[in-house]
Amino acid sequence: MAIDNSNYADATIASIRGIVEIKQTEIDRSLEKTIQVVGVGLAPHNPPHPFYASLLLSILATLFFSIITWRCTQRK
């Protein structure tokens, strides 16, 4: 009878491991879908034209150096 109980215990443990693996696979798939949805939501459909990037950098550089020049002239 000890052999039968051991086989039942092994079968029960194997069944529990199978159930846990199935649940983990479902969780992984759900997480993957969520990441895909968020990625699609964050990604732009059309990337901005390079003109806008260069214009923005030009404006920011102008403001940055204007502030530096203004502060340097105020100290004197």
N, C-alpha and C. Protein backbone atom coordinates (compact mmCIF):
# COMPACT_ATOMS: atom_id res chain seq x y z
N MET A 1 0.81 -1.19 0.00
CA MET A 1 0.00 0.00 0.00
C MET A 1 0.85 1.27 0.00
N ALA A 2 2.05 1.21 0.53
CA ALA A 2 2.92 2.38 0.54
C ALA A 2 3.28 2.79 -0.88
N ILE A 3 3.41 1.83 -1.77
CA ILE A 3 3.74 2.13 -3.16
C ILE A 3 2.57 2.85 -3.82
N ASP A 4 1.37 2.42 -3.56
CA ASP A 4 0.19 3.07 -4.14
C ASP A 4 0.05 4.50 -3.64
N ASN A 5 0.26 4.71 -2.34
CA ASN A 5 0.18 6.06 -1.78
C ASN A 5 1.25 6.96 -2.38
N SER A 6 2.43 6.41 -2.59
CA SER A 6 3.52 7.17 -3.18
C SER A 6 3.17 7.56 -4.61
N ASN A 7 2.59 6.63 -5.36
CA ASN A 7 2.20 6.94 -6.74
C ASN A 7 1.10 8.00 -6.77
N TYR A 8 0.16 7.92 -5.85
CA TYR A 8 -0.90 8.94 -5.79
C TYR A 8 -0.32 10.31 -5.43
N ALA A 9 0.61 10.31 -4.50
CA ALA A 9 1.24 11.58 -4.11
C ALA A 9 2.01 12.17 -5.28
N ASP A 10 2.75 11.32 -6.01
CA ASP A 10 3.51 11.80 -7.17
C ASP A 10 2.56 12.33 -8.25
N ALA A 11 1.47 11.62 -8.47
CA ALA A 11 0.50 12.05 -9.48
C ALA A 11 -0.16 13.37 -9.06
N THR A 12 -0.44 13.52 -7.78
CA THR A 12 -1.04 14.75 -7.28
C THR A 12 -0.08 15.92 -7.44
N ILE A 13 1.18 15.69 -7.08
CA ILE A 13 2.19 16.75 -7.21
C ILE A 13 2.37 17.13 -8.68
N ALA A 14 2.41 16.13 -9.56
CA ALA A 14 2.55 16.41 -10.99
C ALA A 14 1.34 17.20 -11.51
N SER A 15 0.16 16.87 -11.04
CA SER A 15 -1.05 17.60 -11.46
C SER A 15 -1.00 19.04 -10.99
N ILE A 16 -0.58 19.25 -9.76
CA ILE A 16 -0.49 20.61 -9.22
C ILE A 16 0.54 21.42 -10.00
N ARG A 17 1.68 20.80 -10.31
CA ARG A 17 2.71 21.49 -11.10
C ARG A 17 2.16 21.87 -12.48
N GLY A 18 1.40 20.97 -13.08
CA GLY A 18 0.81 21.26 -14.38
C GLY A 18 -0.16 22.43 -14.32
N ILE A 19 -0.98 22.45 -13.28
CA ILE A 19 -1.94 23.55 -13.11
C ILE A 19 -1.20 24.88 -12.91
N VAL A 20 -0.15 24.85 -12.10
CA VAL A 20 0.63 26.07 -11.86
C VAL A 20 1.28 26.55 -13.15
N GLU A 21 1.81 25.64 -13.95
CA GLU A 21 2.44 26.03 -15.21
C GLU A 21 1.41 26.63 -16.18
N ILE A 22 0.23 26.06 -16.21
CA ILE A 22 -0.83 26.60 -17.08
C ILE A 22 -1.21 28.01 -16.64
N LYS A 23 -1.38 28.20 -15.33
CA LYS A 23 -1.73 29.53 -14.81
C LYS A 23 -0.62 30.54 -15.12
N GLN A 24 0.63 30.11 -14.96
CA GLN A 24 1.75 31.01 -15.23
C GLN A 24 1.79 31.40 -16.70
N THR A 25 1.51 30.46 -17.58
CA THR A 25 1.47 30.74 -19.01
C THR A 25 0.36 31.74 -19.33
N GLU A 26 -0.80 31.59 -18.71
CA GLU A 26 -1.90 32.53 -18.92
C GLU A 26 -1.53 33.93 -18.45
N ILE A 27 -0.86 34.01 -17.31
CA ILE A 27 -0.43 35.31 -16.78
C ILE A 27 0.59 35.95 -17.72
N ASP A 28 1.54 35.14 -18.22
CA ASP A 28 2.55 35.66 -19.14
C ASP A 28 1.91 36.19 -20.42
N ARG A 29 0.94 35.48 -20.95
CA ARG A 29 0.26 35.93 -22.17
C ARG A 29 -0.50 37.22 -21.91
N SER A 30 -1.14 37.31 -20.77
CA SER A 30 -1.88 38.52 -20.43
C SER A 30 -0.93 39.71 -20.32
N LEU A 31 0.21 39.50 -19.67
CA LEU A 31 1.20 40.57 -19.53
C LEU A 31 1.74 40.98 -20.90
N GLU A 32 1.99 40.01 -21.76
CA GLU A 32 2.50 40.31 -23.10
C GLU A 32 1.49 41.14 -23.88
N LYS A 33 0.22 40.79 -23.79
CA LYS A 33 -0.82 41.56 -24.48
C LYS A 33 -0.88 42.99 -23.95
N THR A 34 -0.78 43.14 -22.63
CA THR A 34 -0.82 44.47 -22.02
C THR A 34 0.35 45.31 -22.50
N ILE A 35 1.53 44.71 -22.54
CA ILE A 35 2.72 45.44 -23.00
C ILE A 35 2.56 45.84 -24.46
N GLN A 36 2.00 44.97 -25.28
CA GLN A 36 1.78 45.31 -26.69
C GLN A 36 0.80 46.46 -26.84
N VAL A 37 -0.27 46.43 -26.07
CA VAL A 37 -1.28 47.50 -26.16
C VAL A 37 -0.68 48.83 -25.73
N VAL A 38 0.07 48.83 -24.65
CA VAL A 38 0.69 50.07 -24.17
C VAL A 38 1.72 50.56 -25.18
N GLY A 39 2.49 49.64 -25.75
CA GLY A 39 3.48 50.02 -26.75
C GLY A 39 2.86 50.65 -27.97
N VAL A 40 1.76 50.11 -28.42
CA VAL A 40 1.06 50.68 -29.58
C VAL A 40 0.48 52.03 -29.22
N GLY A 41 -0.02 52.17 -28.01
CA GLY A 41 -0.60 53.44 -27.59
C GLY A 41 0.44 54.54 -27.46
N LEU A 42 1.67 54.20 -27.09
CA LEU A 42 2.70 55.21 -26.91
C LEU A 42 3.44 55.55 -28.19
N ALA A 43 3.49 54.63 -29.12
CA ALA A 43 4.26 54.84 -30.35
C ALA A 43 3.51 55.79 -31.29
N PRO A 44 4.23 56.74 -31.86
CA PRO A 44 3.57 57.63 -32.82
C PRO A 44 3.32 56.89 -34.13
N HIS A 45 2.22 57.23 -34.77
CA HIS A 45 1.89 56.59 -36.05
C HIS A 45 2.86 57.04 -37.14
N ASN A 46 3.06 58.32 -37.23
CA ASN A 46 4.02 58.89 -38.18
C ASN A 46 5.06 59.68 -37.39
N PRO A 47 6.33 59.38 -37.57
CA PRO A 47 7.34 60.16 -36.85
C PRO A 47 7.34 61.61 -37.33
N PRO A 48 7.69 62.54 -36.46
CA PRO A 48 7.67 63.95 -36.85
C PRO A 48 8.70 64.22 -37.95
N HIS A 49 8.41 65.23 -38.74
CA HIS A 49 9.31 65.63 -39.81
C HIS A 49 10.59 66.19 -39.19
N PRO A 50 11.76 65.93 -39.78
CA PRO A 50 13.02 66.44 -39.21
C PRO A 50 13.05 67.96 -39.05
N PHE A 51 12.26 68.67 -39.85
CA PHE A 51 12.22 70.13 -39.74
C PHE A 51 11.79 70.56 -38.35
N TYR A 52 10.79 69.89 -37.80
CA TYR A 52 10.28 70.26 -36.47
C TYR A 52 11.32 70.02 -35.39
N ALA A 53 12.06 68.94 -35.51
CA ALA A 53 13.11 68.65 -34.52
C ALA A 53 14.20 69.71 -34.59
N SER A 54 14.63 70.07 -35.79
CA SER A 54 15.68 71.08 -35.92
C SER A 54 15.18 72.45 -35.49
N LEU A 55 13.93 72.76 -35.78
CA LEU A 55 13.36 74.04 -35.34
C LEU A 55 13.30 74.12 -33.82
N LEU A 56 12.86 73.05 -33.19
CA LEU A 56 12.78 73.02 -31.73
C LEU A 56 14.17 73.16 -31.11
N LEU A 57 15.15 72.43 -31.64
CA LEU A 57 16.51 72.53 -31.11
C LEU A 57 17.07 73.94 -31.31
N SER A 58 16.77 74.54 -32.42
CA SER A 58 17.24 75.90 -32.68
C SER A 58 16.63 76.89 -31.69
N ILE A 59 15.35 76.77 -31.43
CA ILE A 59 14.68 77.66 -30.47
C ILE A 59 15.24 77.45 -29.07
N LEU A 60 15.42 76.20 -28.67
CA LEU A 60 15.96 75.92 -27.34
C LEU A 60 17.39 76.43 -27.19
N ALA A 61 18.21 76.26 -28.22
CA ALA A 61 19.59 76.76 -28.16
C ALA A 61 19.60 78.28 -28.08
N THR A 62 18.74 78.93 -28.84
CA THR A 62 18.66 80.39 -28.79
C THR A 62 18.27 80.87 -27.41
N LEU A 63 17.25 80.25 -26.82
CA LEU A 63 16.83 80.64 -25.47
C LEU A 63 17.93 80.39 -24.45
N PHE A 64 18.59 79.25 -24.55
CA PHE A 64 19.64 78.89 -23.59
C PHE A 64 20.77 79.92 -23.63
N PHE A 65 21.28 80.21 -24.83
CA PHE A 65 22.40 81.13 -24.93
C PHE A 65 21.98 82.58 -24.67
N SER A 66 20.74 82.91 -24.94
CA SER A 66 20.24 84.25 -24.61
C SER A 66 20.23 84.45 -23.10
N ILE A 67 19.78 83.45 -22.38
CA ILE A 67 19.75 83.54 -20.91
C ILE A 67 21.16 83.64 -20.36
N ILE A 68 22.08 82.86 -20.89
CA ILE A 68 23.47 82.92 -20.42
C ILE A 68 24.06 84.30 -20.69
N THR A 69 23.84 84.83 -21.88
CA THR A 69 24.36 86.16 -22.23
C THR A 69 23.73 87.23 -21.35
N TRP A 70 22.44 87.15 -21.11
CA TRP A 70 21.76 88.13 -20.27
C TRP A 70 22.32 88.11 -18.85
N ARG A 71 22.54 86.92 -18.30
CA ARG A 71 23.08 86.83 -16.94
C ARG A 71 24.51 87.35 -16.86
N CYS A 72 25.29 87.08 -17.89
CA CYS A 72 26.67 87.58 -17.89
C CYS A 72 26.71 89.10 -17.97
N THR A 73 25.82 89.69 -18.73
CA THR A 73 25.81 91.15 -18.85
C THR A 73 25.22 91.81 -17.61
N GLN A 74 24.38 91.14 -16.86
CA GLN A 74 23.80 91.70 -15.64
C GLN A 74 24.82 91.77 -14.51
N ARG A 75 25.78 90.89 -14.49
CA ARG A 75 26.77 90.85 -13.41
C ARG A 75 27.75 92.01 -13.50
N LYS A 76 28.01 92.50 -14.68
CA LYS A 76 29.02 93.55 -14.85
C LYS A 76 28.50 94.88 -14.53
